[in-house]
Structures are given as structure tokens and as C-alpha cells.
Amino acid sequence: MTITIASLTPLVAILFGILILIFPRLLNYLIALYLILSGLMGLGLVG
């Protein structure tokens, strides 16, 4: 199984959603990290 950007983004979203449910104070940091990672993946710099 090859991990691509298309399959990695939903997995990251699910992971961050679970972490937000467990630790609501992490919301701002997780959203910022998600946006940075998705932007880097969109540019082709990561993944």
C-alpha cells in the first residue's frame, strides 16, 4: 500500500479530530499544524 497525499490528509484529519475530543485545549495548535502540513503537501514539499 502506497501512502499518497490523497490518503494521508484524511488520516491526519481523523487523528487531529480525536485529539481535539480528548484534549480541547490543543485545538488552536492542531489546526495550525494541520494547515501548515496540508499547505506543504499541496506544494509538494512534504509527502
Protein backbone atom coordinates (compact mmCIF):
# COMPACT_ATOMS: atom_id res chain seq x y z
CA MET A 1 0.00 0.00 0.00
CA THR A 2 1.43 3.32 -1.06
CA ILE A 3 0.70 6.35 1.11
CA THR A 4 -0.11 9.37 -1.03
CA ILE A 5 -1.21 12.90 -0.20
CA ALA A 6 -4.78 11.94 -1.05
CA SER A 7 -4.78 9.17 1.56
CA LEU A 8 -2.67 10.98 4.14
CA THR A 9 -4.82 14.11 4.52
CA PRO A 10 -7.99 12.32 5.74
CA LEU A 11 -5.95 10.21 8.17
CA VAL A 12 -4.35 13.33 9.65
CA ALA A 13 -7.80 14.95 9.93
CA ILE A 14 -9.20 11.94 11.79
CA LEU A 15 -6.21 11.84 14.14
CA PHE A 16 -6.47 15.56 14.90
CA GLY A 17 -10.23 15.23 15.43
CA ILE A 18 -9.71 12.51 18.02
CA LEU A 19 -7.00 14.55 19.75
CA ILE A 20 -9.29 17.60 19.86
CA LEU A 21 -12.00 15.49 21.52
CA ILE A 22 -9.56 14.23 24.12
CA PHE A 23 -7.62 17.49 24.65
CA PRO A 24 -9.79 20.50 23.69
CA ARG A 25 -7.04 22.95 24.64
CA LEU A 26 -4.92 21.64 21.75
CA LEU A 27 -7.44 22.92 19.19
CA ASN A 28 -5.51 26.02 18.08
CA TYR A 29 -2.19 24.20 17.81
CA LEU A 30 -3.63 21.23 15.95
CA ILE A 31 -5.48 23.42 13.45
CA ALA A 32 -2.35 25.48 12.83
CA LEU A 33 -0.24 22.35 12.39
CA TYR A 34 -2.84 20.80 10.07
CA LEU A 35 -2.98 23.89 7.89
CA ILE A 36 0.80 24.09 7.67
CA LEU A 37 1.12 20.39 6.79
CA SER A 38 -1.67 20.47 4.23
CA GLY A 39 -0.11 23.56 2.64
CA LEU A 40 3.29 21.91 2.43
CA MET A 41 1.74 18.76 0.98
CA GLY A 42 -0.18 20.84 -1.54
CA LEU A 43 3.06 22.49 -2.66
CA GLY A 44 4.72 19.10 -2.95
CA LEU A 45 7.37 19.85 -0.32
CA VAL A 46 6.23 17.05 2.04
CA GLY A 47 5.00 13.59 1.14
